[in-house]
Protein backbone atom coordinates (compact mmCIF):
# COMPACT_ATOMS: atom_id res chain seq x y z
CA UNK A 1 -62.58 23.80 209.42
CA UNK A 2 -62.98 20.05 209.02
CA UNK A 3 -60.02 17.84 208.16
CA UNK A 4 -61.42 17.02 204.74
CA UNK A 5 -61.72 20.68 203.84
CA UNK A 6 -58.21 21.37 205.08
CA UNK A 7 -56.91 18.49 202.87
CA UNK A 8 -58.79 19.94 199.87
CA UNK A 9 -57.19 23.36 200.47
CA UNK A 10 -53.71 21.89 200.85
CA UNK A 11 -54.12 19.84 197.67
CA UNK A 12 -55.64 22.69 195.68
CA UNK A 13 -53.69 25.87 196.54
CA UNK A 14 -55.30 29.03 195.27
CA UNK A 15 -58.60 27.27 194.57
CA UNK A 16 -61.90 27.85 196.32
CA UNK A 17 -62.96 25.12 198.72
CA UNK A 18 -66.67 25.29 199.63
CA UNK A 19 -67.80 23.88 202.92
CA UNK A 20 -71.41 23.22 202.16
CA UNK A 21 -73.66 20.25 201.56
CA UNK A 22 -75.58 19.40 198.48
CA UNK A 23 -79.14 18.74 199.61
CA UNK A 24 -82.80 18.69 198.46
CA UNK A 25 -83.36 22.34 199.52
CA UNK A 26 -81.35 25.49 200.21
CA UNK A 27 -80.72 26.40 203.84
CA UNK A 28 -78.85 24.90 206.81
CA UNK A 29 -78.41 21.31 207.83
CA UNK A 30 -77.05 19.47 210.78
CA UNK A 31 -73.84 17.63 209.87
CA UNK A 32 -72.25 14.78 211.83
CA UNK A 33 -68.47 14.81 211.54
CA UNK A 34 -66.96 11.37 211.65
CA UNK A 35 -63.45 11.79 210.33
CA UNK A 36 -62.05 8.86 212.26
CA UNK A 37 -64.33 6.49 210.35
CA UNK A 38 -64.60 8.45 207.05
CA UNK A 39 -68.31 8.48 207.71
CA UNK A 40 -69.37 12.18 207.98
CA UNK A 41 -72.97 12.69 206.95
CA UNK A 42 -76.14 14.64 207.29
CA UNK A 43 -77.61 11.42 208.68
CA UNK A 44 -76.21 10.38 212.09
CA UNK A 45 -73.66 7.62 211.62
CA UNK A 46 -72.94 5.00 214.31
CA UNK A 47 -69.94 7.00 215.52
CA UNK A 48 -69.15 10.70 215.19
CA UNK A 49 -66.91 13.29 216.87
CA UNK A 50 -69.15 16.37 216.71
CA UNK A 51 -72.23 17.91 215.16
CA UNK A 52 -72.12 21.24 213.31
CA UNK A 53 -74.55 23.34 211.24
CA UNK A 54 -73.49 23.97 207.67
CA UNK A 55 -74.97 25.68 204.67
CA UNK A 56 -76.80 23.46 202.17
CA UNK A 57 -77.65 24.10 198.55
CA UNK A 58 -79.41 22.18 195.83
CA UNK A 59 -77.40 21.02 192.82
CA UNK A 60 -79.79 23.14 190.73
CA UNK A 61 -78.67 26.29 192.57
CA UNK A 62 -75.04 25.26 192.60
CA UNK A 63 -75.08 24.72 188.83
CA UNK A 64 -76.82 28.08 188.26
CA UNK A 65 -74.40 29.89 190.57
CA UNK A 66 -71.35 28.49 188.87
CA UNK A 67 -72.59 28.46 185.26
CA UNK A 68 -72.53 24.64 184.92
CA UNK A 69 -74.33 23.46 181.79
CA UNK A 70 -74.28 19.87 180.60
CA UNK A 71 -72.76 17.33 182.93
CA UNK A 72 -71.16 14.21 181.47
CA UNK A 73 -71.05 12.31 184.81
CA UNK A 74 -72.27 13.21 188.26
CA UNK A 75 -70.64 11.18 191.08
CA UNK A 76 -72.77 11.04 194.16
CA UNK A 77 -71.00 9.77 197.30
CA UNK A 78 -72.81 11.34 200.21
CA UNK A 79 -72.92 8.75 202.97
CA UNK A 80 -76.63 8.06 202.75
CA UNK A 81 -77.92 11.36 201.39
CA UNK A 82 -77.85 10.35 197.75
CA UNK A 83 -81.67 10.50 197.29
CA UNK A 84 -81.83 14.01 198.68
CA UNK A 85 -78.96 15.22 196.48
CA UNK A 86 -80.77 13.81 193.42
CA UNK A 87 -84.03 15.51 194.50
CA UNK A 88 -82.11 18.80 194.63
CA UNK A 89 -81.09 18.21 190.98
CA UNK A 90 -84.52 17.37 189.57
CA UNK A 91 -84.80 20.42 187.30
CA UNK A 92 -81.38 19.83 185.74
CA UNK A 93 -81.43 16.04 185.42
CA UNK A 94 -82.03 16.47 181.68
CA UNK A 95 -78.49 17.98 181.47
CA UNK A 96 -76.83 15.01 183.12
CA UNK A 97 -75.78 12.08 180.92
CA UNK A 98 -74.58 9.64 183.62
CA UNK A 99 -74.95 9.40 187.38
CA UNK A 100 -72.53 7.22 189.34
CA UNK A 101 -73.57 6.67 192.91
CA UNK A 102 -72.46 4.75 195.98
CA UNK A 103 -75.79 3.38 197.21
CA UNK A 104 -74.64 1.03 199.96
CA UNK A 105 -75.80 0.67 203.57
CA UNK A 106 -74.67 4.10 204.85
CA UNK A 107 -77.93 5.86 205.75
CA UNK A 108 -78.01 6.77 209.43
CA UNK A 109 -77.82 4.62 212.55
CA UNK A 110 -79.78 1.81 210.81
CA UNK A 111 -77.23 1.85 207.96
CA UNK A 112 -79.92 1.48 205.30
CA UNK A 113 -79.08 1.21 201.61
CA UNK A 114 -80.27 3.99 199.32
CA UNK A 115 -80.47 1.91 196.16
CA UNK A 116 -84.26 1.46 196.17
CA UNK A 117 -84.85 5.20 196.76
CA UNK A 118 -82.45 6.14 193.98
CA UNK A 119 -84.06 3.77 191.52
CA UNK A 120 -87.56 4.94 192.48
CA UNK A 121 -86.46 8.54 191.83
CA UNK A 122 -84.36 8.11 188.71
CA UNK A 123 -86.30 5.55 186.66
CA UNK A 124 -89.41 7.71 186.12
CA UNK A 125 -87.11 10.57 185.04
CA UNK A 126 -85.57 8.61 182.18
CA UNK A 127 -82.50 7.03 183.86
CA UNK A 128 -81.72 3.37 183.61
CA UNK A 129 -79.25 1.26 185.58
CA UNK A 130 -76.41 0.30 183.18
CA UNK A 131 -73.73 -0.96 185.51
CA UNK A 132 -72.78 -1.72 189.04
CA UNK A 133 -71.11 -3.92 191.52
CA UNK A 134 -72.49 -5.25 194.72
CA UNK A 135 -69.48 -6.89 196.35
CA UNK A 136 -68.55 -4.92 199.45
CA UNK A 137 -69.25 -1.43 198.06
CA UNK A 138 -72.42 -0.83 196.10
CA UNK A 139 -71.51 1.46 193.24
CA UNK A 140 -73.96 1.88 190.41
CA UNK A 141 -74.04 3.71 187.09
CA UNK A 142 -77.22 5.20 185.66
CA UNK A 143 -77.61 6.50 182.11
CA UNK A 144 -80.04 9.23 181.12
CA UNK A 145 -81.89 7.63 178.21
CA UNK A 146 -83.27 11.06 177.17
CA UNK A 147 -79.96 12.89 177.18
CA UNK A 148 -79.21 15.05 174.16
CA UNK A 149 -82.73 15.78 173.10
CA UNK A 150 -83.66 12.32 171.94
CA UNK A 151 -83.71 8.77 173.05
CA UNK A 152 -80.27 7.21 173.30
CA UNK A 153 -79.67 3.73 171.97
């Protein structure tokens, strides 16, 4: 068990802690554990302690399995895998009102930003960028302009 999962269990006694990744498809993924740098990811970070295989599931399947309907805000903080998590939610995007995402330079060894990929994916699906900050961390807020059955104003 990873340190993060152990912390989740200690902070949520009696609750289920799932050790799986949200991803663009269901299956298994390679996961780079980098607890010393708080940098664990599906994409290889500059430094990591070990590599493990873990189950992966789409957000669509996760929502179906757990009976999740409308989502007010989805926070995506996945150390560079934000575009793939969003791809795995494509069929339920209409049920998400806001998406908050850390889209900074965290993707793999090259530490690429995921902002352009997120915008390219979300804009054609009715989401617009409504807030964000670019100092240090790059956190952005997207709003689903089609949420609730009609155009929002």
